[in-house]
Amino acid sequence: QQLLSLNLSNNKLYRLDGLSDIIEMVPTVKILDLSKNELNLVWELNKMKGLDLEELWLEGNPLCDTFPDQPTYISAIKDCFPKLLRLDGQELPSPIIIDTDTPCLMKPCKESYKGSDALKNLVLQFLQQYYLIYDSGDRQGLLDAYHDEACFSLAIPFNPEDPAPSSLCEYFKENRNMKKPKEPCASLCVQPLKHTKHNIVGSLCVLPKTQHDLSSFLVDMWFQTETMLCFSVNGVFKEVEGKSQCSVRAFTRTFIATPASNS
C-alpha cells in the first residue's frame, strides 16, 4: 500500500529539518497538511520539495501573513511545489511545468513579460524574509538562504590608514578591495572572500546588529535566465547596538539566486 495523505497539523512545528526523510520514506504522498503550526519562513518548505504534492494546507502558520497578497502567497508556494492543485482548500490553476535542465536566456518577447510581476513579487518576498532574519538578532536562520557552495564578499569605502577615526572599523576586517589588495593577488582570490554557506553566515553573525528600512529599498533586477536571477538592492539601515548605535548607513547588495535543490 502507498501512503497518499499525511496530516501533521497542530504539531507546533517551526522547522522541517526532521521531516526531510519523508521524501525518501514516503515519496508517494500527494496531500500534506501542515496547518496550524509555527512555520515562519517559506524556505522551510524547500526541504520537502522532493514531494510531488497535489494538495497542501498551510493556513494558521505565521508565514502566511508575510506575503503582501494572496497571488504572491500562491506563487511562492507553487515555486516549491509546481504540481500543486489545491492550497488551503482553494483550487489552483493547472500547473505549467518548465524544463530547466538547459539554461537559456529568456527571449525578449511579449510572452516573457507575463512573468514580470511574479518575478518582482518573488524577489520582494525574498528580500523581506532575508532582512527580517538578518535584523532579528539571530542570523543563523540565513543558512537556508544560501547554497552549500555559495560565495560572499564585502567592500566598504574606508581607508584604514586615514588618521581620522571611523565608525566603520568593525567592517574593515571583511573588506575586499581589488584595487588596493592588502596581500598579493594570489591571496586576494580567496581572502577575505567567504566560501560555503556556513562561513558566510558565520561572518554575517559577527557584524553589528542592524535594523534595515525596507521602505528605502531600491531594487533592480538586471539579468535573468530560466535557472538564475541576478538583482541588486540599495537602501539604508541603522546599527542598534555598540559604539555606533543609531548610526545610519547606506548599502548596495547584489544577489545571484538559483532554484533551490533537494541535495
Protein backbone atom coordinates (compact mmCIF):
# COMPACT_ATOMS: atom_id res chain seq x y z
CA GLN A 1 0.00 0.00 0.00
CA GLN A 2 1.10 3.56 -0.72
CA LEU A 3 0.75 6.49 1.67
CA LEU A 4 -1.01 9.29 -0.21
CA SER A 5 -2.05 11.65 2.61
CA LEU A 6 -0.12 12.87 5.66
CA ASN A 7 -1.59 15.05 8.43
CA LEU A 8 0.95 16.97 10.55
CA SER A 9 -1.31 19.82 11.65
CA ASN A 10 -1.25 21.19 15.21
CA ASN A 11 2.25 19.88 15.99
CA LYS A 12 3.98 23.18 16.90
CA LEU A 13 6.41 22.67 14.01
CA TYR A 14 8.64 25.67 13.30
CA ARG A 15 11.29 23.87 11.23
CA LEU A 16 11.04 20.93 8.83
CA ASP A 17 14.59 19.56 9.08
CA GLY A 18 13.44 16.41 10.81
CA LEU A 19 10.81 15.75 8.15
CA SER A 20 13.11 15.75 5.13
CA ASP A 21 13.44 11.96 5.44
CA ILE A 22 9.77 11.71 4.50
CA ILE A 23 10.78 12.33 0.90
CA GLU A 24 12.70 9.05 0.86
CA MET A 25 10.36 7.08 3.12
CA VAL A 26 7.02 8.05 1.58
CA PRO A 27 7.67 9.71 -1.79
CA THR A 28 4.10 8.88 -2.85
CA VAL A 29 2.48 11.48 -0.56
CA LYS A 30 0.19 13.76 -2.58
CA ILE A 31 -1.69 15.53 0.24
CA LEU A 32 0.19 17.19 3.11
CA ASP A 33 -1.45 19.07 5.98
CA LEU A 34 0.92 21.43 7.84
CA SER A 35 -1.80 23.80 9.03
CA LYS A 36 -1.85 25.42 12.47
CA ASN A 37 1.87 25.00 13.12
CA GLU A 38 4.55 27.66 13.79
CA LEU A 39 6.31 27.85 10.42
CA ASN A 40 7.66 31.38 9.89
CA LEU A 41 9.60 31.05 6.64
CA VAL A 42 8.61 29.75 3.23
CA TRP A 43 12.20 28.49 2.86
CA GLU A 44 11.34 25.65 5.24
CA LEU A 45 9.14 24.17 2.51
CA ASN A 46 12.20 23.74 0.28
CA LYS A 47 13.15 20.80 2.49
CA MET A 48 10.04 18.99 1.21
CA LYS A 49 10.40 19.88 -2.48
CA GLY A 50 11.04 16.26 -3.43
CA LEU A 51 7.35 15.52 -2.86
CA ASP A 52 5.06 15.85 -5.89
CA LEU A 53 2.29 17.36 -3.82
CA GLU A 54 -1.13 18.00 -5.29
CA GLU A 55 -2.73 19.42 -2.14
CA LEU A 56 -1.13 21.40 0.69
CA TRP A 57 -2.55 23.03 3.81
CA LEU A 58 -0.58 25.87 5.47
CA GLU A 59 -3.27 28.09 6.96
CA GLY A 60 -2.66 29.02 10.58
CA ASN A 61 1.13 29.35 10.16
CA PRO A 62 2.85 32.74 10.67
CA LEU A 63 4.45 32.51 7.21
CA CYS A 64 1.02 33.03 5.62
CA ASP A 65 0.98 36.59 6.99
CA THR A 66 4.37 37.54 5.49
CA PHE A 67 3.02 37.88 1.95
CA PRO A 68 1.57 41.18 0.68
CA ASP A 69 -1.34 39.48 -1.07
CA GLN A 70 -2.85 36.11 -1.98
CA PRO A 71 -1.36 35.86 -5.51
CA THR A 72 2.14 36.36 -4.11
CA TYR A 73 1.49 33.69 -1.50
CA ILE A 74 0.27 31.22 -4.11
CA SER A 75 3.19 32.00 -6.43
CA ALA A 76 5.77 31.38 -3.69
CA ILE A 77 4.21 28.07 -2.65
CA LYS A 78 3.86 26.85 -6.24
CA ASP A 79 7.54 27.63 -6.74
CA CYS A 80 8.21 24.91 -4.16
CA PHE A 81 5.55 22.52 -5.45
CA PRO A 82 4.92 23.15 -9.18
CA LYS A 83 2.33 20.37 -9.49
CA LEU A 84 0.16 21.71 -6.66
CA LEU A 85 -3.57 21.72 -7.49
CA ARG A 86 -5.06 22.88 -4.17
CA LEU A 87 -3.70 25.21 -1.48
CA ASP A 88 -5.58 25.62 1.82
CA GLY A 89 -8.62 24.10 0.14
CA GLN A 90 -8.52 26.52 -2.80
CA GLU A 91 -8.36 25.18 -6.34
CA LEU A 92 -5.32 26.46 -8.25
CA PRO A 93 -4.79 26.88 -12.00
CA SER A 94 -3.30 23.87 -13.75
CA PRO A 95 0.48 23.88 -13.34
CA ILE A 96 2.80 24.76 -16.20
CA ILE A 97 5.96 22.66 -15.96
CA ILE A 98 9.07 24.27 -17.42
CA ASP A 99 12.13 22.19 -18.26
CA THR A 100 15.04 23.97 -16.57
CA ASP A 101 17.74 21.39 -17.28
CA THR A 102 19.28 23.55 -20.00
CA PRO A 103 19.78 27.22 -19.07
CA CYS A 104 18.92 29.71 -21.78
CA LEU A 105 18.34 33.43 -21.83
CA MET A 106 14.70 34.46 -21.69
CA LYS A 107 13.76 35.79 -25.11
CA PRO A 108 12.63 39.44 -25.21
CA CYS A 109 9.15 38.70 -26.49
CA LYS A 110 5.74 39.60 -25.12
CA GLU A 111 5.30 36.18 -23.54
CA SER A 112 8.34 36.63 -21.29
CA TYR A 113 6.92 39.79 -19.73
CA LYS A 114 3.89 37.95 -18.39
CA GLY A 115 6.12 36.68 -15.62
CA SER A 116 7.49 40.09 -14.62
CA ASP A 117 5.02 40.64 -11.78
CA ALA A 118 5.60 37.13 -10.47
CA LEU A 119 9.38 37.64 -10.55
CA LYS A 120 9.04 41.01 -8.86
CA ASN A 121 6.92 39.53 -6.10
CA LEU A 122 9.36 36.63 -5.69
CA VAL A 123 12.33 38.99 -5.30
CA LEU A 124 10.49 41.30 -2.89
CA GLN A 125 9.33 38.34 -0.80
CA PHE A 126 12.91 37.03 -0.65
CA LEU A 127 14.29 40.41 0.45
CA GLN A 128 11.57 40.84 3.07
CA GLN A 129 12.27 37.47 4.63
CA TYR A 130 16.07 37.76 4.28
CA TYR A 131 16.29 41.07 6.12
CA LEU A 132 13.67 40.03 8.66
CA ILE A 133 16.07 37.27 9.72
CA TYR A 134 19.17 39.46 9.30
CA ASP A 135 17.76 42.04 11.71
CA SER A 136 16.28 39.50 14.15
CA GLY A 137 19.45 39.15 16.22
CA ASP A 138 19.97 35.50 15.21
CA ARG A 139 21.35 35.34 11.68
CA GLN A 140 21.83 31.56 11.75
CA GLY A 141 18.42 31.35 10.11
CA LEU A 142 20.05 32.69 6.93
CA LEU A 143 21.72 29.32 6.34
CA ASP A 144 18.63 28.21 4.43
CA ALA A 145 19.02 31.15 2.04
CA TYR A 146 22.45 30.08 0.78
CA HIS A 147 23.69 27.28 -1.45
CA ASP A 148 26.22 24.95 0.18
CA GLU A 149 28.97 26.33 -2.10
CA ALA A 150 27.88 29.98 -2.08
CA CYS A 151 30.38 32.86 -2.03
CA PHE A 152 30.17 36.28 -0.39
CA SER A 153 32.36 39.38 -0.28
CA LEU A 154 32.09 42.79 1.36
CA ALA A 155 33.57 46.11 0.24
CA ILE A 156 33.44 49.43 2.11
CA PRO A 157 34.56 52.98 1.17
CA PHE A 158 37.05 53.29 4.01
CA ASN A 159 40.82 53.66 4.14
CA PRO A 160 42.22 52.14 7.35
CA GLU A 161 45.30 54.38 7.06
CA ASP A 162 43.19 57.52 7.28
CA PRO A 163 44.16 59.24 10.56
CA ALA A 164 40.57 60.36 11.15
CA PRO A 165 38.68 57.84 13.30
CA SER A 166 35.89 55.97 11.59
CA SER A 167 32.93 54.03 12.92
CA LEU A 168 33.35 51.57 10.04
CA CYS A 169 36.33 49.85 11.64
CA GLU A 170 34.25 46.81 12.57
CA TYR A 171 33.58 46.17 8.89
CA PHE A 172 37.10 46.66 7.58
CA LYS A 173 38.43 43.21 8.50
CA GLU A 174 35.95 41.79 5.97
CA ASN A 175 36.72 44.44 3.33
CA ARG A 176 37.68 43.20 -0.12
CA ASN A 177 39.02 45.86 -2.50
CA MET A 178 40.71 44.54 -5.63
CA LYS A 179 42.10 48.00 -6.44
CA LYS A 180 44.04 48.08 -3.18
CA PRO A 181 44.81 44.50 -2.19
CA LYS A 182 46.25 44.11 1.28
CA GLU A 183 48.07 40.98 0.14
CA PRO A 184 49.47 39.61 -3.15
CA CYS A 185 46.90 38.98 -5.87
CA ALA A 186 47.06 35.23 -5.40
CA SER A 187 45.85 35.59 -1.83
CA LEU A 188 43.19 38.10 -2.83
CA CYS A 189 41.43 35.38 -4.81
CA VAL A 190 40.43 33.65 -1.59
CA GLN A 191 40.77 36.23 1.20
CA PRO A 192 38.60 37.69 2.53
CA LEU A 193 36.16 36.00 0.13
CA LYS A 194 33.76 33.84 2.13
CA HIS A 195 33.06 30.40 0.66
CA THR A 196 30.33 27.94 1.78
CA LYS A 197 27.13 28.97 3.49
CA HIS A 198 28.45 28.28 6.99
CA ASN A 199 31.43 30.62 6.52
CA ILE A 200 29.17 33.28 5.04
CA VAL A 201 26.63 33.21 7.85
CA GLY A 202 29.42 33.00 10.41
CA SER A 203 30.91 36.24 9.07
CA LEU A 204 27.49 37.93 8.98
CA CYS A 205 26.85 36.97 12.61
CA VAL A 206 29.84 38.99 13.87
CA LEU A 207 28.82 42.18 12.07
CA PRO A 208 26.94 44.80 14.14
CA LYS A 209 23.25 44.22 14.76
CA THR A 210 21.08 46.28 12.46
CA GLN A 211 17.61 47.46 11.52
CA HIS A 212 17.03 47.91 7.78
CA ASP A 213 14.49 50.40 6.46
CA LEU A 214 12.59 48.30 3.91
CA SER A 215 10.77 51.39 2.64
CA SER A 216 14.12 52.81 1.48
CA PHE A 217 14.93 49.83 -0.75
CA LEU A 218 15.54 50.41 -4.44
CA VAL A 219 15.57 47.05 -6.23
CA ASP A 220 16.87 46.38 -9.73
CA MET A 221 16.63 43.00 -11.48
CA TRP A 222 19.26 43.21 -14.20
CA PHE A 223 19.86 39.67 -15.50
CA GLN A 224 17.82 36.51 -15.66
CA THR A 225 17.80 33.09 -17.23
CA GLU A 226 15.43 30.22 -16.57
CA THR A 227 17.78 28.95 -13.84
CA MET A 228 19.39 32.12 -12.49
CA LEU A 229 18.26 35.53 -11.29
CA CYS A 230 20.56 38.47 -10.58
CA PHE A 231 19.28 41.51 -8.71
CA SER A 232 20.62 44.31 -6.54
CA VAL A 233 19.16 46.33 -3.70
CA ASN A 234 20.13 49.77 -2.42
CA GLY A 235 18.89 51.12 0.89
CA VAL A 236 19.73 52.31 4.38
CA PHE A 237 20.00 50.70 7.79
CA LYS A 238 20.96 51.74 11.28
CA GLU A 239 23.05 49.94 13.85
CA VAL A 240 21.11 49.13 17.01
CA GLU A 241 23.92 48.41 19.48
CA GLY A 242 27.59 49.03 20.16
CA LYS A 243 29.75 52.13 19.76
CA SER A 244 27.97 53.18 16.58
CA GLN A 245 24.45 52.65 17.87
CA CYS A 246 21.89 54.65 15.86
CA SER A 247 24.42 55.33 13.07
CA VAL A 248 22.62 55.32 9.72
CA ARG A 249 24.43 53.73 6.78
CA ALA A 250 23.75 53.25 3.09
CA PHE A 251 24.42 49.95 1.34
CA THR A 252 24.27 48.20 -2.02
CA ARG A 253 23.82 44.44 -2.12
CA THR A 254 23.93 42.12 -5.14
CA PHE A 255 22.30 38.68 -5.07
CA ILE A 256 22.72 35.84 -7.57
CA ALA A 257 19.87 33.39 -6.96
CA THR A 258 19.24 29.92 -8.36
CA PRO A 259 16.38 27.46 -7.77
CA ALA A 260 16.71 25.52 -4.53
CA SER A 261 17.58 21.84 -4.89
CA ASN A 262 16.93 18.87 -2.66
CA SER A 263 20.60 17.95 -2.40
